[in-house]
Protein backbone atom coordinates (compact mmCIF):
# COMPACT_ATOMS: atom_id res chain seq x y z
CA MET A 1 115.81 121.95 114.56
CA ASN A 2 116.23 118.85 112.39
CA ASN A 3 119.80 118.45 111.10
CA GLN A 4 118.63 116.31 108.16
CA ALA A 5 116.20 118.94 106.85
CA ASN A 6 118.34 120.03 103.90
CA LEU A 7 120.22 116.84 103.07
CA PRO A 8 120.00 115.86 99.39
CA GLY A 9 117.13 113.43 98.88
CA SER A 10 115.14 114.69 101.84
CA ARG A 11 111.77 116.31 101.28
CA ALA A 12 112.92 119.63 102.75
CA ALA A 13 115.79 119.75 100.25
CA LEU A 14 113.16 119.86 97.48
CA ALA A 15 111.30 122.84 98.92
CA LEU A 16 111.83 126.57 98.79
CA GLU A 17 110.32 128.81 101.42
CA PHE A 18 108.54 131.28 99.10
CA PRO A 19 109.31 130.26 95.50
CA MET A 20 108.72 132.62 92.59
CA SER A 21 109.01 131.90 88.89
CA VAL A 22 111.83 133.47 86.91
CA GLY A 23 111.20 131.60 83.67
CA VAL A 24 109.20 128.89 81.94
CA TYR A 25 110.79 126.80 79.19
CA ASP A 26 109.53 124.29 76.64
CA ALA A 27 112.53 121.96 77.08
CA TYR A 28 114.30 120.71 80.18
CA ALA A 29 117.68 121.49 78.57
CA ASP A 30 116.67 125.17 78.28
CA ALA A 31 115.73 125.30 81.97
CA GLN A 32 119.07 123.68 82.84
CA ARG A 33 120.89 126.20 80.67
CA ALA A 34 119.08 129.02 82.48
CA VAL A 35 120.19 127.72 85.89
CA ASP A 36 123.72 127.24 84.56
CA HIS A 37 123.70 130.86 83.36
CA LEU A 38 122.62 131.96 86.84
CA SER A 39 125.42 129.88 88.35
CA ASP A 40 127.99 131.39 85.97
CA HIS A 41 126.99 134.82 87.27
CA GLU A 42 127.44 133.79 90.91
CA PHE A 43 123.71 133.62 91.63
CA PRO A 44 123.06 131.43 94.71
CA VAL A 45 121.68 128.49 92.72
CA GLU A 46 121.07 126.47 95.89
CA ASN A 47 117.93 128.63 96.05
CA CYS A 48 116.69 127.39 92.63
CA MET A 49 114.40 124.61 91.50
CA ILE A 50 113.43 123.26 88.10
CA VAL A 51 109.86 122.01 88.18
CA GLY A 52 108.19 120.06 85.39
CA THR A 53 104.63 121.30 84.89
CA ASP A 54 101.67 120.45 82.66
CA LEU A 55 102.20 116.74 83.16
CA LYS A 56 100.83 114.17 80.77
CA GLN A 57 101.04 110.40 80.60
CA VAL A 58 102.36 108.93 77.38
CA GLU A 59 101.82 105.26 76.62
CA ARG A 60 103.59 103.64 73.68
CA VAL A 61 101.94 100.45 72.47
CA THR A 62 104.73 97.99 71.72
CA GLY A 63 102.86 94.97 70.42
CA ARG A 64 99.96 92.59 70.46
CA LEU A 65 99.52 90.37 73.50
CA THR A 66 98.67 86.78 72.63
CA THR A 67 98.26 83.64 74.70
CA GLY A 68 101.55 82.36 73.28
CA ARG A 69 103.47 85.49 74.27
CA VAL A 70 101.96 85.38 77.75
CA ALA A 71 102.87 81.68 78.09
CA VAL A 72 106.48 82.18 76.96
CA GLY A 73 106.92 85.24 79.18
CA GLY A 74 105.51 83.48 82.22
CA MET A 75 107.59 80.38 81.59
CA LEU A 76 110.83 82.36 81.22
CA SER A 77 110.08 84.43 84.29
CA GLY A 78 109.37 81.29 86.33
CA LEU A 79 112.48 79.60 84.91
CA TRP A 80 114.71 82.43 86.16
CA LEU A 81 113.09 82.39 89.59
CA GLY A 82 113.38 78.59 89.81
CA LEU A 83 116.99 78.74 88.68
CA PHE A 84 117.80 81.30 91.37
CA ILE A 85 116.09 79.25 94.08
CA GLY A 86 117.85 76.11 92.86
CA LEU A 87 121.23 77.82 93.06
CA VAL A 88 120.48 78.99 96.61
CA PHE A 89 119.47 75.43 97.59
CA ALA A 90 122.60 74.06 95.92
CA VAL A 91 124.92 76.48 97.72
CA PHE A 92 123.42 75.83 101.16
CA GLY A 93 122.32 72.20 100.67
CA THR A 94 124.22 68.97 101.01
CA GLY A 95 122.78 67.08 98.02
CA GLU A 96 123.92 67.01 94.41
CA THR A 97 123.91 70.41 92.71
CA LEU A 98 122.74 69.66 89.16
CA PRO A 99 119.53 67.74 89.99
CA VAL A 100 118.50 70.38 92.54
CA VAL A 101 119.09 73.28 90.13
CA LEU A 102 117.37 71.55 87.19
CA SER A 103 114.33 70.43 89.17
CA THR A 104 113.72 73.86 90.74
CA ALA A 105 114.22 75.55 87.34
CA LEU A 106 111.68 73.21 85.69
CA PHE A 107 109.22 73.61 88.56
CA GLY A 108 109.64 77.39 88.37
CA ALA A 109 109.02 77.38 84.60
CA LEU A 110 105.85 75.31 85.04
CA PHE A 111 104.61 77.50 87.88
CA GLY A 112 105.36 80.70 85.91
CA LEU A 113 103.55 79.33 82.85
CA ILE A 114 100.42 78.42 84.81
CA TRP A 115 100.41 81.65 86.83
CA ALA A 116 100.77 83.84 83.73
CA LEU A 117 98.02 82.01 81.82
CA VAL A 118 95.62 82.20 84.76
CA GLY A 119 96.31 85.92 85.11
CA TYR A 120 95.83 86.49 81.38
CA ALA A 121 92.57 84.52 81.37
CA ALA A 122 91.31 86.62 84.28
CA THR A 123 91.55 89.80 82.18
CA ARG A 124 89.14 88.31 79.58
CA GLY A 125 90.85 90.11 76.72
CA ARG A 126 90.36 93.63 78.08
CA ARG A 127 93.99 94.52 77.42
CA ASP A 128 95.44 92.50 74.57
CA PHE A 129 98.52 94.63 73.99
CA THR A 130 101.86 95.40 75.59
CA SER A 131 103.05 98.92 76.23
CA VAL A 132 105.43 101.15 78.12
CA SER A 133 104.25 104.34 79.76
CA GLN A 134 105.86 107.43 81.19
CA VAL A 135 104.76 110.68 82.78
CA VAL A 136 106.35 113.67 81.05
CA ALA A 137 106.27 117.41 81.56
CA THR A 138 105.44 119.80 78.73
CA LYS A 139 106.86 122.91 80.44
CA TYR A 140 109.75 123.44 82.85
CA GLU A 141 109.64 126.30 85.31
CA VAL A 142 112.67 127.74 87.08
CA LEU A 143 111.75 128.86 90.58
CA VAL A 144 113.88 130.81 93.06
CA GLU A 145 113.40 132.15 96.56
CA HIS A 146 111.23 135.28 96.47
CA LYS A 147 114.01 137.56 97.73
CA LEU A 148 116.19 136.57 94.73
CA ALA A 149 113.53 136.56 92.00
CA GLN A 150 114.18 140.02 90.59
CA ARG A 151 117.94 139.44 90.35
CA GLY A 152 117.31 136.07 88.69
CA ARG A 153 115.00 137.60 86.08
CA GLU A 154 117.55 140.33 85.33
CA LEU A 155 120.32 137.78 84.81
CA LEU A 156 118.16 135.57 82.59
CA ALA A 157 117.15 138.57 80.48
CA GLN A 158 120.87 139.02 79.68
CA MET A 159 121.35 135.36 78.71
CA PRO A 160 122.98 135.27 75.26
CA GLY A 161 121.65 132.99 72.55
CA GLY A 162 119.02 131.40 74.74
CA PRO A 163 115.31 131.68 74.60
CA SER A 164 113.98 134.56 76.59
CA PRO A 165 112.13 133.29 79.63
CA TYR A 166 108.46 133.93 79.96
CA THR A 167 106.57 133.56 83.16
CA GLY A 168 103.24 131.89 83.38
């Protein structure tokens, strides 16, 4: 038997043997409140999971991407990398610190500028915007081991002030 099977962060720690649903909620906070209610009533919550279901990807467009923005972003990114490399050379080198740091920072900025513009030109304008994206769940299901499902449903039915769970 593997001793690491149920350590937090391991794959086995995220699995239940025969999970059954005791409630489905529209908000993660409601699912958390349901598990907290189970815990308050001495339910063995180590046999519970909250699973986000009905996943969707949301992308928020944050701005227009122009050649100028690409150039500035690439230059700044290269500048930081060059500065870091220059500092490493300065710490471990025997030469003068300032010329080494400045020259690697400038070389990094130039390299970052060229690399970013070449990459942008390669897209041929197919994606002229910046964005951030995230995968989100639209429902949250509380699952418990099958042998505890009935008790869990009974406890959640008695939950005061909370939404009544519905199973899908």
